[in-house]
Amino acid sequence: NHVALESDFWIKDVNYSLLDLFAGQEQWARLFEGGQLYQGFLSATHYHRWRAPLDGTIVRSWRQPGTYFAQKPGQGENQGTWEGTESQPYLGHVAARAIFIFKHPTCGYVALICIGMVEVSTCVIEPQFIVDETMAPVGINRDTEIGHFEFGGSTHVMIFQKDRVKLVDWAVNAVQHQNDPEPTAMGSVIARAVR
């Protein structure tokens, strides 16, 4: 909750910096200041194709080059955790990623950032859904395939504008479910509009 426009994302606790998540593109980062963020993890055996999370339009999308095999500087301080798990928030700011900005009539702007972890650095956006700053928005239907990772093991972030949606209970406390025997099903509700 209350995602900051800019913060130190590499220090100890989980912090997110919108300006860094959006690779310095302030016009997009500012839309989400004070909003809510959900981050999920995909193991190497999970489904690695991206599907549109809503009906609406894609107003901007791009592939952002970044690091691979990176981990947060304080990694390894907690015994028994895999470095990729603890570094997920950090990787969202520095790893190779695909960034989508959607617009929905009720939910407002919604961002989906698909982030390669460890050796995953190939993020592929389907050509018809690459929307640069000179193009008109592209209509999209929920569940349409918009891209994929070329190799398994990755993470993703959804960011919502302030006061437009409310994360459902399981998404607010997603870390508590990290060891559940069954992964969260694709297409599960993450948030509901408040208007």
N, C-alpha and C. Protein backbone atom coordinates (compact mmCIF):
# COMPACT_ATOMS: atom_id res chain seq x y z
N ASN A 1 0.83 -1.20 0.00
CA ASN A 1 0.00 0.00 0.00
C ASN A 1 0.87 1.25 0.00
N HIS A 2 0.35 2.30 -0.58
CA HIS A 2 1.01 3.62 -0.59
C HIS A 2 2.40 3.55 -1.21
N VAL A 3 2.48 3.06 -2.44
CA VAL A 3 3.75 2.92 -3.13
C VAL A 3 4.36 4.30 -3.36
N ALA A 4 5.65 4.42 -3.04
CA ALA A 4 6.35 5.70 -3.15
C ALA A 4 6.82 5.96 -4.58
N LEU A 5 6.83 7.23 -4.96
CA LEU A 5 7.37 7.60 -6.27
C LEU A 5 8.83 7.21 -6.35
N GLU A 6 9.55 7.44 -5.24
CA GLU A 6 10.98 7.13 -5.21
C GLU A 6 11.37 6.70 -3.81
N SER A 7 12.13 5.61 -3.71
CA SER A 7 12.63 5.16 -2.41
C SER A 7 13.86 4.31 -2.62
N ASP A 8 14.56 4.01 -1.53
CA ASP A 8 15.75 3.16 -1.57
C ASP A 8 15.29 1.71 -1.57
N PHE A 9 15.21 1.10 -2.74
CA PHE A 9 14.67 -0.25 -2.86
C PHE A 9 15.68 -1.33 -2.54
N TRP A 10 16.93 -1.00 -2.34
CA TRP A 10 17.98 -2.01 -2.12
C TRP A 10 18.36 -2.15 -0.66
N ILE A 11 17.71 -1.43 0.23
CA ILE A 11 18.06 -1.45 1.65
C ILE A 11 17.09 -2.34 2.42
N LYS A 12 17.60 -3.33 3.10
CA LYS A 12 16.90 -4.20 4.06
C LYS A 12 15.47 -4.61 3.68
N ASP A 13 14.48 -3.84 4.14
CA ASP A 13 13.09 -4.24 3.99
C ASP A 13 12.61 -4.13 2.55
N VAL A 14 11.38 -4.57 2.35
CA VAL A 14 10.79 -4.52 1.01
C VAL A 14 10.27 -3.12 0.75
N ASN A 15 10.93 -2.43 -0.14
CA ASN A 15 10.49 -1.11 -0.59
C ASN A 15 10.37 -1.14 -2.10
N TYR A 16 9.46 -0.36 -2.61
CA TYR A 16 9.31 -0.24 -4.05
C TYR A 16 9.45 1.23 -4.43
N SER A 17 10.12 1.47 -5.53
CA SER A 17 10.32 2.82 -6.05
C SER A 17 9.72 2.87 -7.45
N LEU A 18 8.59 3.55 -7.60
CA LEU A 18 7.90 3.60 -8.89
C LEU A 18 8.79 4.12 -10.00
N LEU A 19 9.56 5.14 -9.70
CA LEU A 19 10.43 5.72 -10.72
C LEU A 19 11.41 4.69 -11.26
N ASP A 20 11.91 3.82 -10.41
CA ASP A 20 12.84 2.78 -10.84
C ASP A 20 12.11 1.61 -11.51
N LEU A 21 10.95 1.23 -10.99
CA LEU A 21 10.17 0.17 -11.62
C LEU A 21 9.85 0.52 -13.07
N PHE A 22 9.52 1.80 -13.31
CA PHE A 22 9.17 2.26 -14.66
C PHE A 22 10.38 2.82 -15.41
N ALA A 23 11.59 2.47 -14.97
CA ALA A 23 12.83 2.81 -15.67
C ALA A 23 12.96 4.31 -15.94
N GLY A 24 12.60 5.12 -14.94
CA GLY A 24 12.78 6.56 -15.04
C GLY A 24 11.71 7.29 -15.82
N GLN A 25 10.70 6.59 -16.31
CA GLN A 25 9.64 7.25 -17.08
C GLN A 25 8.61 7.84 -16.11
N GLU A 26 8.89 9.06 -15.71
CA GLU A 26 8.14 9.72 -14.64
C GLU A 26 6.65 9.87 -14.96
N GLN A 27 6.31 10.12 -16.21
CA GLN A 27 4.89 10.32 -16.54
C GLN A 27 4.05 9.09 -16.21
N TRP A 28 4.64 7.90 -16.28
CA TRP A 28 3.92 6.69 -15.91
C TRP A 28 4.03 6.42 -14.42
N ALA A 29 5.19 6.62 -13.85
CA ALA A 29 5.39 6.38 -12.42
C ALA A 29 4.44 7.23 -11.58
N ARG A 30 4.27 8.50 -11.95
CA ARG A 30 3.43 9.41 -11.16
C ARG A 30 1.97 8.97 -11.10
N LEU A 31 1.50 8.28 -12.13
CA LEU A 31 0.11 7.82 -12.13
C LEU A 31 -0.20 6.89 -10.95
N PHE A 32 0.82 6.20 -10.46
CA PHE A 32 0.60 5.16 -9.45
C PHE A 32 1.08 5.56 -8.06
N GLU A 33 1.53 6.79 -7.90
CA GLU A 33 2.03 7.25 -6.60
C GLU A 33 0.95 7.10 -5.54
N GLY A 34 1.29 6.44 -4.42
CA GLY A 34 0.34 6.22 -3.33
C GLY A 34 -0.61 5.05 -3.55
N GLY A 35 -0.45 4.35 -4.67
CA GLY A 35 -1.34 3.24 -4.99
C GLY A 35 -0.95 1.94 -4.33
N GLN A 36 -1.52 0.84 -4.82
CA GLN A 36 -1.27 -0.49 -4.27
C GLN A 36 -0.48 -1.32 -5.26
N LEU A 37 0.33 -2.24 -4.72
CA LEU A 37 1.18 -3.10 -5.54
C LEU A 37 1.04 -4.54 -5.06
N TYR A 38 0.95 -5.44 -6.02
CA TYR A 38 0.94 -6.88 -5.74
C TYR A 38 2.11 -7.50 -6.50
N GLN A 39 2.88 -8.37 -5.85
CA GLN A 39 3.96 -9.08 -6.54
C GLN A 39 3.78 -10.58 -6.34
N GLY A 40 3.88 -11.33 -7.43
CA GLY A 40 3.77 -12.78 -7.39
C GLY A 40 5.00 -13.44 -7.98
N PHE A 41 5.17 -14.71 -7.70
CA PHE A 41 6.34 -15.48 -8.12
C PHE A 41 5.90 -16.64 -8.99
N LEU A 42 6.67 -16.93 -10.02
CA LEU A 42 6.43 -18.09 -10.87
C LEU A 42 7.66 -18.98 -10.82
N SER A 43 7.48 -20.23 -10.41
CA SER A 43 8.63 -21.14 -10.41
C SER A 43 8.88 -21.60 -11.85
N ALA A 44 9.96 -22.31 -12.05
CA ALA A 44 10.34 -22.74 -13.40
C ALA A 44 9.30 -23.65 -14.04
N THR A 45 8.45 -24.29 -13.24
CA THR A 45 7.46 -25.21 -13.80
C THR A 45 6.08 -24.58 -13.98
N HIS A 46 5.92 -23.31 -13.66
CA HIS A 46 4.63 -22.65 -13.80
C HIS A 46 4.42 -22.10 -15.21
N TYR A 47 3.20 -21.70 -15.47
CA TYR A 47 2.79 -21.12 -16.76
C TYR A 47 3.49 -19.78 -16.96
N HIS A 48 4.15 -19.62 -18.09
CA HIS A 48 4.96 -18.41 -18.31
C HIS A 48 4.51 -17.58 -19.50
N ARG A 49 3.23 -17.59 -19.74
CA ARG A 49 2.66 -16.72 -20.78
C ARG A 49 1.84 -15.66 -20.08
N TRP A 50 1.92 -14.44 -20.58
CA TRP A 50 1.22 -13.33 -19.94
C TRP A 50 -0.11 -13.11 -20.62
N ARG A 51 -1.11 -12.88 -19.80
CA ARG A 51 -2.46 -12.63 -20.32
C ARG A 51 -2.96 -11.30 -19.76
N ALA A 52 -3.71 -10.60 -20.58
CA ALA A 52 -4.24 -9.29 -20.16
C ALA A 52 -5.10 -9.48 -18.92
N PRO A 53 -4.87 -8.65 -17.89
CA PRO A 53 -5.61 -8.81 -16.64
C PRO A 53 -7.00 -8.18 -16.65
N LEU A 54 -7.35 -7.45 -17.72
CA LEU A 54 -8.61 -6.72 -17.73
C LEU A 54 -9.04 -6.41 -19.16
N ASP A 55 -10.29 -5.98 -19.30
CA ASP A 55 -10.78 -5.43 -20.56
C ASP A 55 -10.47 -3.94 -20.55
N GLY A 56 -10.02 -3.42 -21.65
CA GLY A 56 -9.71 -1.99 -21.72
C GLY A 56 -8.78 -1.70 -22.87
N THR A 57 -7.76 -0.88 -22.61
CA THR A 57 -6.77 -0.56 -23.64
C THR A 57 -5.37 -0.65 -23.06
N ILE A 58 -4.41 -0.95 -23.93
CA ILE A 58 -3.00 -0.83 -23.58
C ILE A 58 -2.58 0.54 -24.09
N VAL A 59 -2.19 1.43 -23.17
CA VAL A 59 -1.80 2.78 -23.58
C VAL A 59 -0.29 2.89 -23.82
N ARG A 60 0.48 1.97 -23.24
CA ARG A 60 1.94 1.98 -23.44
C ARG A 60 2.48 0.62 -23.04
N SER A 61 3.45 0.14 -23.79
CA SER A 61 4.16 -1.09 -23.41
C SER A 61 5.56 -1.03 -23.98
N TRP A 62 6.49 -1.62 -23.26
CA TRP A 62 7.87 -1.67 -23.75
C TRP A 62 8.67 -2.72 -23.00
N ARG A 63 9.75 -3.15 -23.65
CA ARG A 63 10.71 -4.05 -23.01
C ARG A 63 11.83 -3.20 -22.44
N GLN A 64 12.14 -3.44 -21.19
CA GLN A 64 13.19 -2.69 -20.51
C GLN A 64 14.39 -3.61 -20.27
N PRO A 65 15.53 -3.34 -20.91
CA PRO A 65 16.71 -4.17 -20.65
C PRO A 65 17.13 -4.04 -19.18
N GLY A 66 17.80 -5.04 -18.68
CA GLY A 66 18.25 -4.98 -17.30
C GLY A 66 19.25 -6.07 -17.00
N THR A 67 19.46 -6.27 -15.72
CA THR A 67 20.44 -7.25 -15.25
C THR A 67 19.87 -8.66 -15.30
N TYR A 68 20.74 -9.63 -15.14
CA TYR A 68 20.31 -10.99 -14.84
C TYR A 68 21.35 -11.58 -13.90
N PHE A 69 20.93 -12.59 -13.14
CA PHE A 69 21.72 -13.15 -12.04
C PHE A 69 22.00 -12.10 -10.96
N ALA A 70 21.12 -11.12 -10.82
CA ALA A 70 21.30 -10.10 -9.78
C ALA A 70 20.60 -10.56 -8.50
N GLN A 71 21.02 -10.00 -7.39
CA GLN A 71 20.33 -10.20 -6.12
C GLN A 71 20.57 -8.97 -5.26
N LYS A 72 19.66 -8.74 -4.31
CA LYS A 72 19.79 -7.54 -3.49
C LYS A 72 21.07 -7.61 -2.67
N PRO A 73 21.67 -6.46 -2.38
CA PRO A 73 22.96 -6.45 -1.66
C PRO A 73 22.94 -7.15 -0.31
N GLY A 74 21.85 -7.10 0.43
CA GLY A 74 21.78 -7.73 1.75
C GLY A 74 21.36 -9.18 1.71
N GLN A 75 21.35 -9.78 0.52
CA GLN A 75 20.90 -11.16 0.36
C GLN A 75 21.73 -12.12 1.21
N GLY A 76 21.09 -13.15 1.71
CA GLY A 76 21.79 -14.18 2.46
C GLY A 76 21.83 -13.92 3.95
N GLU A 77 21.19 -12.85 4.42
CA GLU A 77 21.18 -12.56 5.86
C GLU A 77 20.25 -13.48 6.62
N ASN A 78 19.24 -14.01 5.94
CA ASN A 78 18.28 -14.91 6.59
C ASN A 78 18.56 -16.34 6.16
N GLN A 79 18.76 -17.21 7.12
CA GLN A 79 19.06 -18.61 6.85
C GLN A 79 17.87 -19.31 6.20
N GLY A 80 18.16 -20.24 5.29
CA GLY A 80 17.14 -21.11 4.74
C GLY A 80 16.26 -20.53 3.66
N THR A 81 16.60 -19.39 3.11
CA THR A 81 15.79 -18.83 2.03
C THR A 81 16.59 -18.81 0.75
N TRP A 82 15.89 -19.06 -0.33
CA TRP A 82 16.53 -19.02 -1.64
C TRP A 82 16.70 -17.57 -2.04
N GLU A 83 17.87 -17.25 -2.57
CA GLU A 83 18.18 -15.85 -2.87
C GLU A 83 17.19 -15.19 -3.82
N GLY A 84 16.66 -15.94 -4.76
CA GLY A 84 15.70 -15.35 -5.70
C GLY A 84 14.44 -14.88 -5.01
N THR A 85 13.98 -15.63 -4.01
CA THR A 85 12.75 -15.27 -3.31
C THR A 85 12.90 -13.94 -2.60
N GLU A 86 13.95 -13.77 -1.84
CA GLU A 86 14.15 -12.53 -1.10
C GLU A 86 14.48 -11.35 -2.00
N SER A 87 14.99 -11.62 -3.18
CA SER A 87 15.40 -10.54 -4.07
C SER A 87 14.30 -10.11 -5.04
N GLN A 88 13.13 -10.70 -4.96
CA GLN A 88 12.08 -10.36 -5.93
C GLN A 88 11.76 -8.87 -6.01
N PRO A 89 11.52 -8.18 -4.89
CA PRO A 89 11.25 -6.75 -5.01
C PRO A 89 12.41 -5.99 -5.66
N TYR A 90 13.63 -6.33 -5.27
CA TYR A 90 14.82 -5.69 -5.85
C TYR A 90 14.88 -5.91 -7.35
N LEU A 91 14.64 -7.14 -7.79
CA LEU A 91 14.72 -7.47 -9.21
C LEU A 91 13.73 -6.68 -10.05
N GLY A 92 12.60 -6.34 -9.48
CA GLY A 92 11.62 -5.54 -10.21
C GLY A 92 12.16 -4.21 -10.68
N HIS A 93 13.19 -3.73 -10.02
CA HIS A 93 13.77 -2.43 -10.34
C HIS A 93 14.96 -2.51 -11.28
N VAL A 94 15.62 -3.67 -11.34
CA VAL A 94 16.89 -3.74 -12.07
C VAL A 94 16.94 -4.82 -13.16
N ALA A 95 16.09 -5.81 -13.10
CA ALA A 95 16.16 -6.93 -14.05
C ALA A 95 15.49 -6.59 -15.38
N ALA A 96 15.77 -7.39 -16.39
CA ALA A 96 15.08 -7.26 -17.67
C ALA A 96 13.59 -7.48 -17.42
N ARG A 97 12.75 -6.65 -18.06
CA ARG A 97 11.32 -6.74 -17.80
C ARG A 97 10.50 -6.18 -18.96
N ALA A 98 9.25 -6.58 -19.00
CA ALA A 98 8.28 -6.03 -19.95
C ALA A 98 7.27 -5.25 -19.14
N ILE A 99 6.98 -4.04 -19.59
CA ILE A 99 6.11 -3.14 -18.83
C ILE A 99 4.89 -2.80 -19.68
N PHE A 100 3.71 -2.99 -19.09
CA PHE A 100 2.45 -2.67 -19.75
C PHE A 100 1.69 -1.67 -18.89
N ILE A 101 1.10 -0.67 -19.53
CA ILE A 101 0.19 0.25 -18.85
C ILE A 101 -1.17 0.09 -19.51
N PHE A 102 -2.15 -0.34 -18.73
CA PHE A 102 -3.51 -0.53 -19.22
C PHE A 102 -4.39 0.61 -18.71
N LYS A 103 -5.50 0.84 -19.40
CA LYS A 103 -6.50 1.78 -18.90
C LYS A 103 -7.85 1.07 -18.91
N HIS A 104 -8.54 1.18 -17.77
CA HIS A 104 -9.85 0.55 -17.59
C HIS A 104 -10.82 1.63 -17.15
N PRO A 105 -12.07 1.61 -17.62
CA PRO A 105 -13.00 2.69 -17.28
C PRO A 105 -13.27 2.86 -15.79
N THR A 106 -13.23 1.78 -15.02
CA THR A 106 -13.50 1.87 -13.58
C THR A 106 -12.22 1.83 -12.76
N CYS A 107 -11.31 0.96 -13.10
CA CYS A 107 -10.07 0.78 -12.32
C CYS A 107 -9.02 1.83 -12.62
N GLY A 108 -9.20 2.63 -13.65
CA GLY A 108 -8.20 3.63 -14.02
C GLY A 108 -7.01 2.96 -14.69
N TYR A 109 -5.83 3.49 -14.42
CA TYR A 109 -4.61 2.91 -14.99
C TYR A 109 -4.15 1.73 -14.12
N VAL A 110 -3.73 0.68 -14.78
CA VAL A 110 -3.21 -0.52 -14.12
C VAL A 110 -1.92 -0.90 -14.83
N ALA A 111 -0.86 -1.15 -14.07
CA ALA A 111 0.41 -1.56 -14.67
C ALA A 111 0.66 -3.03 -14.40
N LEU A 112 1.21 -3.71 -15.39
CA LEU A 112 1.68 -5.08 -15.25
C LEU A 112 3.14 -5.08 -15.67
N ILE A 113 4.00 -5.50 -14.76
CA ILE A 113 5.43 -5.58 -15.06
C ILE A 113 5.85 -7.04 -14.92
N CYS A 114 6.29 -7.62 -16.03
CA CYS A 114 6.72 -9.02 -16.08
C CYS A 114 8.24 -9.03 -16.00
N ILE A 115 8.80 -9.63 -14.96
CA ILE A 115 10.21 -9.47 -14.60
C ILE A 115 10.95 -10.79 -14.70
N GLY A 116 12.02 -10.81 -15.47
CA GLY A 116 12.86 -11.99 -15.55
C GLY A 116 13.70 -12.12 -14.29
N MET A 117 13.79 -13.33 -13.75
CA MET A 117 14.61 -13.58 -12.56
C MET A 117 15.81 -14.44 -12.93
N VAL A 118 16.88 -14.28 -12.21
CA VAL A 118 18.10 -15.07 -12.35
C VAL A 118 18.55 -15.02 -13.81
N GLU A 119 18.50 -16.15 -14.53
CA GLU A 119 18.98 -16.15 -15.91
C GLU A 119 17.89 -15.81 -16.92
N VAL A 120 16.68 -15.54 -16.47
CA VAL A 120 15.58 -15.22 -17.38
C VAL A 120 15.69 -13.75 -17.78
N SER A 121 16.05 -13.49 -19.01
CA SER A 121 16.16 -12.10 -19.43
C SER A 121 15.44 -11.83 -20.74
N THR A 122 14.83 -12.85 -21.31
CA THR A 122 14.12 -12.65 -22.56
C THR A 122 12.63 -12.50 -22.30
N CYS A 123 12.16 -11.28 -22.38
CA CYS A 123 10.75 -10.95 -22.20
C CYS A 123 10.20 -10.59 -23.58
N VAL A 124 9.23 -11.34 -24.05
CA VAL A 124 8.71 -11.16 -25.40
C VAL A 124 7.30 -10.60 -25.34
N ILE A 125 7.09 -9.42 -25.93
CA ILE A 125 5.75 -8.84 -26.05
C ILE A 125 5.24 -9.20 -27.45
N GLU A 126 4.01 -9.71 -27.52
CA GLU A 126 3.43 -10.01 -28.83
C GLU A 126 3.42 -8.71 -29.66
N PRO A 127 3.86 -8.77 -30.93
CA PRO A 127 4.04 -7.56 -31.74
C PRO A 127 2.83 -6.62 -31.78
N GLN A 128 1.63 -7.17 -31.85
CA GLN A 128 0.44 -6.32 -31.94
C GLN A 128 0.14 -5.58 -30.63
N PHE A 129 0.86 -5.93 -29.55
CA PHE A 129 0.63 -5.27 -28.26
C PHE A 129 1.81 -4.42 -27.82
N ILE A 130 2.75 -4.17 -28.73
CA ILE A 130 3.81 -3.19 -28.46
C ILE A 130 3.23 -1.82 -28.80
N VAL A 131 3.12 -0.97 -27.79
CA VAL A 131 2.51 0.35 -27.96
C VAL A 131 3.53 1.40 -27.53
N ASP A 132 4.09 2.12 -28.49
CA ASP A 132 5.06 3.16 -28.13
C ASP A 132 4.37 4.50 -27.96
N GLU A 133 5.15 5.52 -27.59
CA GLU A 133 4.58 6.83 -27.24
C GLU A 133 3.94 7.55 -28.43
N THR A 134 4.18 7.09 -29.66
CA THR A 134 3.60 7.75 -30.83
C THR A 134 2.30 7.08 -31.29
N MET A 135 1.93 5.99 -30.66
CA MET A 135 0.79 5.20 -31.13
C MET A 135 -0.47 5.46 -30.31
N ALA A 136 -1.60 5.20 -30.96
CA ALA A 136 -2.88 5.24 -30.25
C ALA A 136 -3.00 4.00 -29.37
N PRO A 137 -3.76 4.08 -28.28
CA PRO A 137 -3.96 2.90 -27.44
C PRO A 137 -4.55 1.74 -28.24
N VAL A 138 -4.25 0.54 -27.80
CA VAL A 138 -4.71 -0.68 -28.46
C VAL A 138 -5.73 -1.37 -27.56
N GLY A 139 -6.90 -1.67 -28.11
CA GLY A 139 -7.93 -2.36 -27.34
C GLY A 139 -7.48 -3.77 -26.95
N ILE A 140 -7.92 -4.20 -25.78
CA ILE A 140 -7.52 -5.52 -25.27
C ILE A 140 -8.67 -6.14 -24.50
N ASN A 141 -8.80 -7.46 -24.60
CA ASN A 141 -9.79 -8.20 -23.83
C ASN A 141 -9.07 -9.01 -22.77
N ARG A 142 -9.68 -9.10 -21.61
CA ARG A 142 -9.12 -9.90 -20.52
C ARG A 142 -8.82 -11.31 -21.01
N ASP A 143 -7.70 -11.84 -20.59
CA ASP A 143 -7.25 -13.20 -20.89
C ASP A 143 -6.62 -13.35 -22.28
N THR A 144 -6.45 -12.26 -23.02
CA THR A 144 -5.74 -12.32 -24.30
C THR A 144 -4.25 -12.45 -24.03
N GLU A 145 -3.58 -13.36 -24.74
CA GLU A 145 -2.14 -13.51 -24.55
C GLU A 145 -1.42 -12.27 -25.09
N ILE A 146 -0.59 -11.65 -24.24
CA ILE A 146 0.12 -10.43 -24.64
C ILE A 146 1.63 -10.61 -24.70
N GLY A 147 2.13 -11.76 -24.23
CA GLY A 147 3.57 -12.00 -24.28
C GLY A 147 3.95 -13.22 -23.46
N HIS A 148 5.28 -13.41 -23.30
CA HIS A 148 5.76 -14.57 -22.54
C HIS A 148 7.23 -14.42 -22.16
N PHE A 149 7.65 -15.25 -21.21
CA PHE A 149 9.07 -15.41 -20.89
C PHE A 149 9.59 -16.56 -21.74
N GLU A 150 10.83 -16.45 -22.20
CA GLU A 150 11.41 -17.52 -23.02
C GLU A 150 11.90 -18.68 -22.16
N PHE A 151 12.08 -18.47 -20.87
CA PHE A 151 12.59 -19.52 -20.00
C PHE A 151 11.97 -19.34 -18.63
N GLY A 152 11.73 -20.43 -17.90
CA GLY A 152 10.96 -20.37 -16.67
C GLY A 152 11.67 -19.81 -15.45
N GLY A 153 10.90 -19.39 -14.47
CA GLY A 153 11.38 -18.84 -13.21
C GLY A 153 11.39 -17.33 -13.26
N SER A 154 10.35 -16.70 -12.76
CA SER A 154 10.23 -15.26 -12.91
C SER A 154 9.24 -14.70 -11.90
N THR A 155 9.01 -13.41 -11.99
CA THR A 155 8.10 -12.74 -11.07
C THR A 155 7.31 -11.69 -11.85
N HIS A 156 6.27 -11.19 -11.24
CA HIS A 156 5.46 -10.17 -11.90
C HIS A 156 4.89 -9.24 -10.84
N VAL A 157 4.63 -8.01 -11.27
CA VAL A 157 4.10 -6.98 -10.38
C VAL A 157 2.87 -6.38 -11.05
N MET A 158 1.82 -6.17 -10.27
CA MET A 158 0.68 -5.39 -10.74
C MET A 158 0.58 -4.18 -9.83
N ILE A 159 0.40 -3.02 -10.44
CA ILE A 159 0.32 -1.77 -9.68
C ILE A 159 -0.98 -1.07 -10.04
N PHE A 160 -1.66 -0.60 -9.01
CA PHE A 160 -2.96 0.04 -9.18
C PHE A 160 -2.91 1.47 -8.67
N GLN A 161 -3.70 2.34 -9.28
CA GLN A 161 -3.76 3.73 -8.84
C GLN A 161 -4.39 3.84 -7.46
N LYS A 162 -4.03 4.90 -6.78
CA LYS A 162 -4.55 5.17 -5.44
C LYS A 162 -6.08 5.29 -5.47
N ASP A 163 -6.71 4.61 -4.52
CA ASP A 163 -8.16 4.69 -4.29
C ASP A 163 -9.02 4.21 -5.45
N ARG A 164 -8.47 3.41 -6.36
CA ARG A 164 -9.26 2.90 -7.48
C ARG A 164 -9.67 1.45 -7.28
N VAL A 165 -8.83 0.67 -6.59
CA VAL A 165 -9.14 -0.74 -6.34
C VAL A 165 -8.77 -1.09 -4.91
N LYS A 166 -9.25 -2.25 -4.48
CA LYS A 166 -8.86 -2.80 -3.18
C LYS A 166 -8.37 -4.21 -3.45
N LEU A 167 -7.14 -4.50 -3.01
CA LEU A 167 -6.61 -5.85 -3.16
C LEU A 167 -7.46 -6.82 -2.35
N VAL A 168 -7.71 -8.01 -2.89
CA VAL A 168 -8.44 -9.03 -2.13
C VAL A 168 -7.52 -9.54 -1.02
N ASP A 169 -8.11 -10.16 0.00
CA ASP A 169 -7.35 -10.55 1.19
C ASP A 169 -6.11 -11.38 0.89
N TRP A 170 -6.24 -12.41 0.05
CA TRP A 170 -5.08 -13.26 -0.20
C TRP A 170 -3.95 -12.49 -0.87
N ALA A 171 -4.27 -11.50 -1.70
CA ALA A 171 -3.23 -10.72 -2.39
C ALA A 171 -2.53 -9.75 -1.45
N VAL A 172 -3.26 -9.25 -0.45
CA VAL A 172 -2.64 -8.36 0.54
C VAL A 172 -1.62 -9.14 1.36
N ASN A 173 -1.95 -10.38 1.66
CA ASN A 173 -1.09 -11.22 2.49
C ASN A 173 -0.46 -12.35 1.68
N ALA A 174 -0.05 -12.05 0.46
CA ALA A 174 0.45 -13.08 -0.46
C ALA A 174 1.65 -13.84 0.10
N VAL A 175 2.52 -13.17 0.85
CA VAL A 175 3.72 -13.83 1.38
C VAL A 175 3.34 -14.97 2.31
N GLN A 176 2.23 -14.85 3.01
CA GLN A 176 1.79 -15.92 3.92
C GLN A 176 1.41 -17.19 3.16
N HIS A 177 1.18 -17.06 1.85
CA HIS A 177 0.76 -18.21 1.05
C HIS A 177 1.90 -18.80 0.22
N GLN A 178 3.12 -18.34 0.44
CA GLN A 178 4.23 -18.77 -0.41
C GLN A 178 4.53 -20.26 -0.32
N ASN A 179 4.15 -20.91 0.76
CA ASN A 179 4.42 -22.34 0.89
C ASN A 179 3.18 -23.20 0.73
N ASP A 180 2.08 -22.60 0.23
CA ASP A 180 0.88 -23.39 -0.02
C ASP A 180 1.20 -24.48 -1.04
N PRO A 181 0.64 -25.69 -0.86
CA PRO A 181 0.94 -26.78 -1.79
C PRO A 181 0.44 -26.52 -3.21
N GLU A 182 -0.63 -25.76 -3.35
CA GLU A 182 -1.17 -25.45 -4.68
C GLU A 182 -0.92 -23.98 -5.00
N PRO A 183 -0.38 -23.70 -6.17
CA PRO A 183 -0.18 -22.29 -6.54
C PRO A 183 -1.53 -21.61 -6.80
N THR A 184 -1.54 -20.31 -6.74
CA THR A 184 -2.74 -19.55 -7.06
C THR A 184 -3.05 -19.75 -8.54
N ALA A 185 -4.28 -20.05 -8.84
CA ALA A 185 -4.67 -20.33 -10.23
C ALA A 185 -4.61 -19.09 -11.10
N MET A 186 -4.19 -19.29 -12.36
CA MET A 186 -4.20 -18.20 -13.31
C MET A 186 -5.64 -17.70 -13.46
N GLY A 187 -5.80 -16.40 -13.55
CA GLY A 187 -7.13 -15.82 -13.67
C GLY A 187 -7.78 -15.51 -12.34
N SER A 188 -7.10 -15.78 -11.23
CA SER A 188 -7.65 -15.47 -9.91
C SER A 188 -7.81 -13.96 -9.75
N VAL A 189 -8.82 -13.56 -9.01
CA VAL A 189 -9.04 -12.13 -8.76
C VAL A 189 -7.97 -11.63 -7.80
N ILE A 190 -7.31 -10.54 -8.16
CA ILE A 190 -6.28 -9.92 -7.33
C ILE A 190 -6.83 -8.69 -6.63
N ALA A 191 -7.70 -7.94 -7.34
CA ALA A 191 -8.25 -6.70 -6.79
C ALA A 191 -9.64 -6.47 -7.34
N ARG A 192 -10.40 -5.65 -6.62
CA ARG A 192 -11.75 -5.27 -7.07
C ARG A 192 -11.85 -3.74 -7.08
N ALA A 193 -12.56 -3.23 -8.06
CA ALA A 193 -12.77 -1.78 -8.16
C ALA A 193 -13.56 -1.29 -6.96
N VAL A 194 -13.25 -0.08 -6.49
CA VAL A 194 -13.97 0.48 -5.35
C VAL A 194 -15.03 1.48 -5.78
N ARG A 195 -15.12 1.79 -7.05
CA ARG A 195 -16.12 2.76 -7.52
C ARG A 195 -17.18 2.09 -8.33
